[in-house]
C-alpha atoms as a PDB file:
ATOM      1  CA  MET A   1      44.656  48.063 -28.285  1.00  0.00           C
ATOM      2  CA  LEU A   2      43.695  46.289 -31.489  1.00  0.00           C
ATOM      3  CA  MET A   3      43.404  42.983 -29.662  1.00  0.00           C
ATOM      4  CA  HIS A   4      41.354  44.668 -26.940  1.00  0.00           C
ATOM      5  CA  ARG A   5      38.851  45.952 -29.531  1.00  0.00           C
ATOM      6  CA  ALA A   6      38.722  42.533 -31.184  1.00  0.00           C
ATOM      7  CA  LEU A   7      37.952  40.872 -27.868  1.00  0.00           C
ATOM      8  CA  LEU A   8      35.232  43.422 -27.143  1.00  0.00           C
ATOM      9  CA  LEU A   9      33.652  42.845 -30.541  1.00  0.00           C
ATOM     10  CA  LEU A  10      33.787  39.082 -30.125  1.00  0.00           C
ATOM     11  CA  THR A  11      32.149  39.381 -26.709  1.00  0.00           C
ATOM     12  CA  CYS A  12      29.412  41.637 -28.110  1.00  0.00           C
ATOM     13  CA  MET A  13      28.718  39.306 -31.021  1.00  0.00           C
ATOM     14  CA  THR A  14      28.579  36.249 -28.760  1.00  0.00           C
ATOM     15  CA  LEU A  15      26.148  37.972 -26.413  1.00  0.00           C
ATOM     16  CA  ILE A  16      23.986  39.193 -29.280  1.00  0.00           C
ATOM     17  CA  VAL A  17      23.789  35.741 -30.844  1.00  0.00           C
ATOM     18  CA  PHE A  18      22.874  34.241 -27.473  1.00  0.00           C
ATOM     19  CA  LEU A  19      20.202  36.860 -26.789  1.00  0.00           C
ATOM     20  CA  SER A  20      18.874  36.657 -30.317  1.00  0.00           C
ATOM     21  CA  PHE A  21      18.452  32.892 -30.099  1.00  0.00           C
ATOM     22  CA  GLY A  22      16.782  33.111 -26.726  1.00  0.00           C
ATOM     23  CA  SER A  23      14.477  35.870 -27.912  1.00  0.00           C
ATOM     24  CA  HIS A  24      13.545  33.892 -31.020  1.00  0.00           C
ATOM     25  CA  VAL A  25      12.472  30.887 -28.975  1.00  0.00           C
ATOM     26  CA  LYS A  26      10.525  33.031 -26.533  1.00  0.00           C
ATOM     27  CA  ALA A  27       9.031  35.547 -28.946  1.00  0.00           C
ATOM     28  CA  GLU A  28       8.138  33.430 -31.936  1.00  0.00           C
ATOM     29  CA  ASP A  29       8.253  29.733 -31.159  1.00  0.00           C
ATOM     30  CA  GLU A  30       6.122  29.435 -28.056  1.00  0.00           C
ATOM     31  CA  LEU A  31       2.905  30.845 -26.669  1.00  0.00           C
ATOM     32  CA  ALA A  32       0.545  30.230 -23.791  1.00  0.00           C
ATOM     33  CA  PHE A  33      -3.028  31.378 -23.266  1.00  0.00           C
ATOM     34  CA  GLU A  34      -5.956  30.875 -20.924  1.00  0.00           C
ATOM     35  CA  ALA A  35      -8.671  28.472 -22.035  1.00  0.00           C
ATOM     36  CA  GLU A  36     -11.312  31.005 -20.997  1.00  0.00           C
ATOM     37  CA  ASP A  37      -9.799  33.676 -23.307  1.00  0.00           C
ATOM     38  CA  PHE A  38     -11.472  32.206 -26.403  1.00  0.00           C
ATOM     39  CA  ASP A  39     -12.613  34.153 -29.460  1.00  0.00           C
ATOM     40  CA  THR A  40     -15.855  32.204 -29.785  1.00  0.00           C
ATOM     41  CA  ILE A  41     -17.567  29.501 -27.757  1.00  0.00           C
ATOM     42  CA  GLY A  42     -20.272  26.992 -28.514  1.00  0.00           C
ATOM     43  CA  PRO A  43     -22.602  25.997 -25.680  1.00  0.00           C
ATOM     44  CA  PRO A  44     -22.757  24.062 -23.472  1.00  0.00           C
ATOM     45  CA  MET A  45     -18.994  24.666 -23.167  1.00  0.00           C
ATOM     46  CA  GLN A  46     -18.748  27.152 -20.314  1.00  0.00           C
ATOM     47  CA  ILE A  47     -16.401  29.112 -18.064  1.00  0.00           C
ATOM     48  CA  VAL A  48     -16.030  28.036 -14.446  1.00  0.00           C
ATOM     49  CA  GLU A  49     -14.410  30.474 -12.018  1.00  0.00           C
ATOM     50  CA  ASP A  50     -11.746  28.990  -9.735  1.00  0.00           C
ATOM     51  CA  LYS A  51      -9.254  31.167  -7.871  1.00  0.00           C
ATOM     52  CA  ASP A  52      -6.784  28.275  -7.627  1.00  0.00           C
ATOM     53  CA  VAL A  53      -6.133  27.891 -11.372  1.00  0.00           C
ATOM     54  CA  SER A  54      -4.218  29.966 -13.915  1.00  0.00           C
ATOM     55  CA  GLY A  55      -6.162  33.114 -14.738  1.00  0.00           C
ATOM     56  CA  GLY A  56      -8.842  32.300 -12.165  1.00  0.00           C
ATOM     57  CA  ALA A  57     -11.029  30.181 -14.455  1.00  0.00           C
ATOM     58  CA  TYR A  58     -11.207  27.080 -16.653  1.00  0.00           C
ATOM     59  CA  ILE A  59     -13.607  25.700 -19.252  1.00  0.00           C
ATOM     60  CA  LYS A  60     -15.646  22.505 -19.399  1.00  0.00           C
ATOM     61  CA  SER A  61     -18.824  21.076 -20.854  1.00  0.00           C
ATOM     62  CA  PRO A  62     -21.427  19.248 -18.737  1.00  0.00           C
ATOM     63  CA  SER A  63     -22.499  17.260 -21.812  1.00  0.00           C
ATOM     64  CA  GLY A  64     -20.441  14.878 -23.895  1.00  0.00           C
ATOM     65  CA  ARG A  65     -19.902  15.566 -27.622  1.00  0.00           C
ATOM     66  CA  ALA A  66     -21.373  19.030 -27.187  1.00  0.00           C
ATOM     67  CA  GLY A  67     -19.705  22.430 -27.102  1.00  0.00           C
ATOM     68  CA  TRP A  68     -16.395  23.895 -28.191  1.00  0.00           C
ATOM     69  CA  ALA A  69     -14.066  26.889 -27.779  1.00  0.00           C
ATOM     70  CA  GLU A  70     -12.191  28.527 -30.639  1.00  0.00           C
ATOM     71  CA  TYR A  71      -8.932  30.512 -30.631  1.00  0.00           C
ATOM     72  CA  GLU A  72      -7.329  32.604 -33.380  1.00  0.00           C
ATOM     73  CA  ILE A  73      -3.578  31.998 -33.491  1.00  0.00           C
ATOM     74  CA  ASP A  74      -1.003  33.920 -35.509  1.00  0.00           C
ATOM     75  CA  ILE A  75       1.886  31.657 -36.606  1.00  0.00           C
ATOM     76  CA  PRO A  76       4.935  33.759 -37.639  1.00  0.00           C
ATOM     77  CA  GLU A  77       6.522  31.119 -39.879  1.00  0.00           C
ATOM     78  CA  PHE A  78       6.002  27.505 -40.915  1.00  0.00           C
ATOM     79  CA  ALA A  79       6.973  25.097 -38.149  1.00  0.00           C
ATOM     80  CA  PRO A  80       5.901  21.885 -36.421  1.00  0.00           C
ATOM     81  CA  TYR A  81       4.187  22.701 -33.125  1.00  0.00           C
ATOM     82  CA  TYR A  82       3.540  20.625 -30.022  1.00  0.00           C
ATOM     83  CA  MET A  83       0.721  21.428 -27.623  1.00  0.00           C
ATOM     84  CA  HIS A  84       0.171  20.865 -23.901  1.00  0.00           C
ATOM     85  CA  GLY A  85      -2.931  21.451 -21.834  1.00  0.00           C
ATOM     86  CA  MET A  86      -3.297  22.052 -18.109  1.00  0.00           C
ATOM     87  CA  VAL A  87      -6.176  19.656 -17.609  1.00  0.00           C
ATOM     88  CA  GLN A  88      -8.093  17.618 -15.081  1.00  0.00           C
ATOM     89  CA  ARG A  89      -9.984  14.371 -15.593  1.00  0.00           C
ATOM     90  CA  HIS A  90     -12.123  12.507 -13.081  1.00  0.00           C
ATOM     91  CA  ASP A  91     -12.399   8.955 -14.359  1.00  0.00           C
ATOM     92  CA  GLY A  92     -12.047   6.894 -17.518  1.00  0.00           C
ATOM     93  CA  VAL A  93     -15.099   8.450 -19.146  1.00  0.00           C
ATOM     94  CA  THR A  94     -14.245  12.124 -18.522  1.00  0.00           C
ATOM     95  CA  ASP A  95     -10.851  12.273 -20.157  1.00  0.00           C
ATOM     96  CA  SER A  96     -10.867  13.477 -23.752  1.00  0.00           C
ATOM     97  CA  PHE A  97     -11.280  16.379 -26.195  1.00  0.00           C
ATOM     98  CA  PHE A  98     -11.189  16.761 -29.964  1.00  0.00           C
ATOM     99  CA  ILE A  99      -8.475  19.134 -31.263  1.00  0.00           C
ATOM    100  CA  THR A 100      -8.574  20.657 -34.765  1.00  0.00           C
ATOM    101  CA  PHE A 101      -6.966  23.499 -36.693  1.00  0.00           C
ATOM    102  CA  ASP A 102      -8.942  25.266 -39.431  1.00  0.00           C
ATOM    103  CA  LEU A 103     -11.661  22.604 -39.516  1.00  0.00           C
ATOM    104  CA  ASN A 104     -15.384  22.778 -38.839  1.00  0.00           C
ATOM    105  CA  ASP A 105     -15.596  18.989 -38.627  1.00  0.00           C
ATOM    106  CA  ARG A 106     -14.074  17.131 -35.688  1.00  0.00           C
ATOM    107  CA  GLY A 107     -14.143  13.784 -37.524  1.00  0.00           C
ATOM    108  CA  ASP A 108     -15.685  10.467 -36.592  1.00  0.00           C
ATOM    109  CA  ASP A 109     -16.073   9.512 -32.960  1.00  0.00           C
ATOM    110  CA  ASP A 110     -14.088   6.289 -33.135  1.00  0.00           C
ATOM    111  CA  ASP A 111     -10.825   4.778 -31.926  1.00  0.00           C
ATOM    112  CA  VAL A 112      -8.736   5.932 -34.909  1.00  0.00           C
ATOM    113  CA  ASN A 113      -9.671   9.615 -35.138  1.00  0.00           C
ATOM    114  CA  GLU A 114      -6.378  11.524 -35.038  1.00  0.00           C
ATOM    115  CA  ASN A 115      -8.210  14.553 -33.643  1.00  0.00           C
ATOM    116  CA  THR A 116      -9.015  12.734 -30.379  1.00  0.00           C
ATOM    117  CA  TRP A 117      -6.879  13.866 -27.446  1.00  0.00           C
ATOM    118  CA  THR A 118      -7.052  11.344 -24.607  1.00  0.00           C
ATOM    119  CA  VAL A 119      -5.909  12.852 -21.315  1.00  0.00           C
ATOM    120  CA  SER A 120      -3.479  10.492 -19.569  1.00  0.00           C
ATOM    121  CA  LEU A 121      -3.364  11.669 -15.969  1.00  0.00           C
ATOM    122  CA  PRO A 122      -4.340  10.553 -12.472  1.00  0.00           C
ATOM    123  CA  ASP A 123      -7.900  11.453 -11.510  1.00  0.00           C
ATOM    124  CA  ASN A 124      -8.877  14.735  -9.817  1.00  0.00           C
ATOM    125  CA  VAL A 125      -5.584  16.614 -10.118  1.00  0.00           C
ATOM    126  CA  TRP A 126      -4.519  19.520 -12.324  1.00  0.00           C
ATOM    127  CA  ALA A 127      -1.484  18.622 -14.459  1.00  0.00           C
ATOM    128  CA  TRP A 128       0.083  19.200 -17.856  1.00  0.00           C
ATOM    129  CA  ASP A 129      -0.697  16.653 -20.546  1.00  0.00           C
ATOM    130  CA  ALA A 130       0.808  16.598 -24.036  1.00  0.00           C
ATOM    131  CA  VAL A 131      -1.850  16.635 -26.735  1.00  0.00           C
ATOM    132  CA  ASN A 132      -1.916  13.310 -28.554  1.00  0.00           C
ATOM    133  CA  GLY A 133      -3.965  11.869 -31.374  1.00  0.00           C
ATOM    134  CA  ARG A 134      -5.395   8.425 -31.944  1.00  0.00           C
ATOM    135  CA  GLY A 135      -4.634   6.398 -35.039  1.00  0.00           C
ATOM    136  CA  VAL A 136      -1.954   8.251 -37.023  1.00  0.00           C
ATOM    137  CA  GLY A 137      -2.174  11.298 -34.737  1.00  0.00           C
ATOM    138  CA  GLY A 138       0.833  10.328 -32.646  1.00  0.00           C
ATOM    139  CA  ASP A 139       1.867  10.905 -29.051  1.00  0.00           C
ATOM    140  CA  PRO A 140       2.714  13.703 -28.811  1.00  0.00           C
ATOM    141  CA  ARG A 141       0.809  14.978 -31.782  1.00  0.00           C
ATOM    142  CA  VAL A 142       2.655  17.241 -34.226  1.00  0.00           C
ATOM    143  CA  PHE A 143       0.763  20.155 -35.782  1.00  0.00           C
ATOM    144  CA  GLU A 144       2.382  21.316 -39.044  1.00  0.00           C
ATOM    145  CA  LEU A 145       1.288  24.953 -39.140  1.00  0.00           C
ATOM    146  CA  GLU A 146       1.919  27.292 -42.051  1.00  0.00           C
ATOM    147  CA  GLU A 147       2.668  30.989 -41.548  1.00  0.00           C
ATOM    148  CA  GLY A 148      -0.484  33.013 -40.980  1.00  0.00           C
ATOM    149  CA  ILE A 149      -3.716  32.951 -38.992  1.00  0.00           C
ATOM    150  CA  HIS A 150      -5.108  29.599 -37.852  1.00  0.00           C
ATOM    151  CA  MET A 151      -8.252  28.721 -35.925  1.00  0.00           C
ATOM    152  CA  LEU A 152      -7.693  26.239 -33.115  1.00  0.00           C
ATOM    153  CA  ARG A 153     -10.908  24.595 -31.981  1.00  0.00           C
ATOM    154  CA  ILE A 154     -11.114  22.529 -28.802  1.00  0.00           C
ATOM    155  CA  TRP A 155     -14.233  20.372 -28.912  1.00  0.00           C
ATOM    156  CA  THR A 156     -15.887  18.513 -26.078  1.00  0.00           C
ATOM    157  CA  ARG A 157     -15.620  14.769 -26.453  1.00  0.00           C
ATOM    158  CA  GLU A 158     -16.380  13.613 -22.939  1.00  0.00           C
ATOM    159  CA  ASN A 159     -18.219  15.713 -20.386  1.00  0.00           C
ATOM    160  CA  GLU A 160     -16.505  17.212 -17.338  1.00  0.00           C
ATOM    161  CA  THR A 161     -12.999  17.121 -18.784  1.00  0.00           C
ATOM    162  CA  TRP A 162     -11.587  20.431 -17.531  1.00  0.00           C
ATOM    163  CA  LEU A 163      -9.145  22.698 -19.392  1.00  0.00           C
ATOM    164  CA  ASP A 164      -7.310  25.540 -17.658  1.00  0.00           C
ATOM    165  CA  CYS A 165      -4.776  26.779 -20.235  1.00  0.00           C
ATOM    166  CA  ILE A 166      -2.841  25.848 -23.367  1.00  0.00           C
ATOM    167  CA  TYR A 167       0.899  25.971 -24.082  1.00  0.00           C
ATOM    168  CA  MET A 168       2.414  25.571 -27.579  1.00  0.00           C
ATOM    169  CA  SER A 169       6.043  25.299 -28.683  1.00  0.00           C
ATOM    170  CA  THR A 170       8.169  24.108 -31.592  1.00  0.00           C
ATOM    171  CA  ASP A 171      10.457  22.452 -29.042  1.00  0.00           C
ATOM    172  CA  LEU A 172       9.565  18.817 -28.418  1.00  0.00           C
ATOM    173  CA  ILE A 173      11.087  18.875 -24.921  1.00  0.00           C
ATOM    174  CA  ALA A 174       9.943  22.354 -23.882  1.00  0.00           C
ATOM    175  CA  ILE A 175       8.655  22.678 -20.336  1.00  0.00           C
ATOM    176  CA  PRO A 176       5.094  24.097 -20.417  1.00  0.00           C
ATOM    177  CA  ILE A 177       4.423  27.461 -18.779  1.00  0.00           C
ATOM    178  CA  LEU A 178       1.129  28.541 -17.244  1.00  0.00           C
ATOM    179  CA  ALA A 179      -0.546  31.322 -19.189  1.00  0.00           C
ATOM    180  CA  SER A 180      -0.627  33.481 -16.050  1.00  0.00           C
ATOM    181  CA  GLU A 181       3.194  33.228 -15.818  1.00  0.00           C
ATOM    182  CA  PHE A 182       4.018  33.457 -19.527  1.00  0.00           C
ATOM    183  CA  GLU A 183       5.831  36.587 -20.747  1.00  0.00           C
ATOM    184  CA  GLY A 184       6.033  35.845 -24.469  1.00  0.00           C
ATOM    185  CA  ARG A 185       3.934  37.018 -27.381  1.00  0.00           C
ATOM    186  CA  ASP A 186       0.169  37.128 -27.514  1.00  0.00           C
ATOM    187  CA  ARG A 187      -1.408  34.416 -29.656  1.00  0.00           C
ATOM    188  CA  LYS A 188      -3.011  37.013 -31.953  1.00  0.00           C
ATOM    189  CA  GLY A 189      -0.318  39.682 -31.843  1.00  0.00           C
ATOM    190  CA  PRO A 190       2.834  40.036 -33.902  1.00  0.00           C
ATOM    191  CA  PRO A 191       5.954  38.384 -32.455  1.00  0.00           C
ATOM    192  CA  LYS A 192       7.968  40.596 -30.156  1.00  0.00           C
ATOM    193  CA  SER A 193      11.342  41.299 -31.715  1.00  0.00           C
ATOM    194  CA  VAL A 194      14.563  43.154 -31.017  1.00  0.00           C
ATOM    195  CA  ASN A 195      16.759  44.631 -33.709  1.00  0.00           C
ATOM    196  CA  TYR A 196      19.975  42.895 -32.730  1.00  0.00           C
ATOM    197  CA  SER A 197      21.718  43.966 -35.941  1.00  0.00           C
ATOM    198  CA  GLY A 198      21.184  47.544 -34.815  1.00  0.00           C
ATOM    199  CA  LYS A 199      22.611  46.724 -31.417  1.00  0.00           C
ATOM    200  CA  LEU A 200      25.639  45.185 -33.113  1.00  0.00           C
ATOM    201  CA  ALA A 201      26.196  48.319 -35.163  1.00  0.00           C
ATOM    202  CA  THR A 202      25.897  50.463 -32.060  1.00  0.00           C
ATOM    203  CA  ALA A 203      28.340  48.278 -30.136  1.00  0.00           C
ATOM    204  CA  TRP A 204      30.867  48.326 -32.983  1.00  0.00           C
ATOM    205  CA  GLY A 205      30.474  52.089 -33.358  1.00  0.00           C
ATOM    206  CA  HIS A 206      31.198  52.506 -29.665  1.00  0.00           C
ATOM    207  CA  ILE A 207      34.348  50.392 -29.970  1.00  0.00           C
ATOM    208  CA  LYS A 208      35.500  52.363 -33.049  1.00  0.00           C
ATOM    209  CA  ALA A 209      34.948  55.633 -31.189  1.00  0.00           C
ATOM    210  CA  GLN A 210      37.428  54.495 -28.564  1.00  0.00           C
ATOM    211  CA  ASP A 211      40.141  54.113 -31.195  1.00  0.00           C
END
């Protein structure tokens, strides 16, 4: 009987650790959101309705170096984040954005600006692309984000570069998820959490009651 209870407890603890880890990754370390669900927008960046994309719309600017969209993001704890965009380019001169956090200046428009994200995809297809940065920005680019509220701004660099949705994760090899299919936390809401310590106490109490 004692061994039976020990095995039950071990099974409960293993399951709780597994679920807790999985929940942590899903609830706190990744998020996805529609590009059209911005907090503020600067013209001529605009929403384009399209029933074939995530959320039924995407954003773009008809003019180069003009327009932006801004998103408030709640980071639960300090971590390095990687970002992917569901994007579409059309040729070699419609394939880039500027990406900044907590900055009102996108930086110089040159070949070494780390805020420049060059989309590396075939023309005229929707696909995920990891956000990179020129110069010291890296590919993929790493965003070291402190706990708290941050303002992500996506600036137009070249006209007619289309953005459908954004995915962020602390996992370098995470597979991006469309915002319309994502079930994790909201970018502005508190992380979803489960009190696994309480579940452990309940499970152990149930085992003790069988003694």
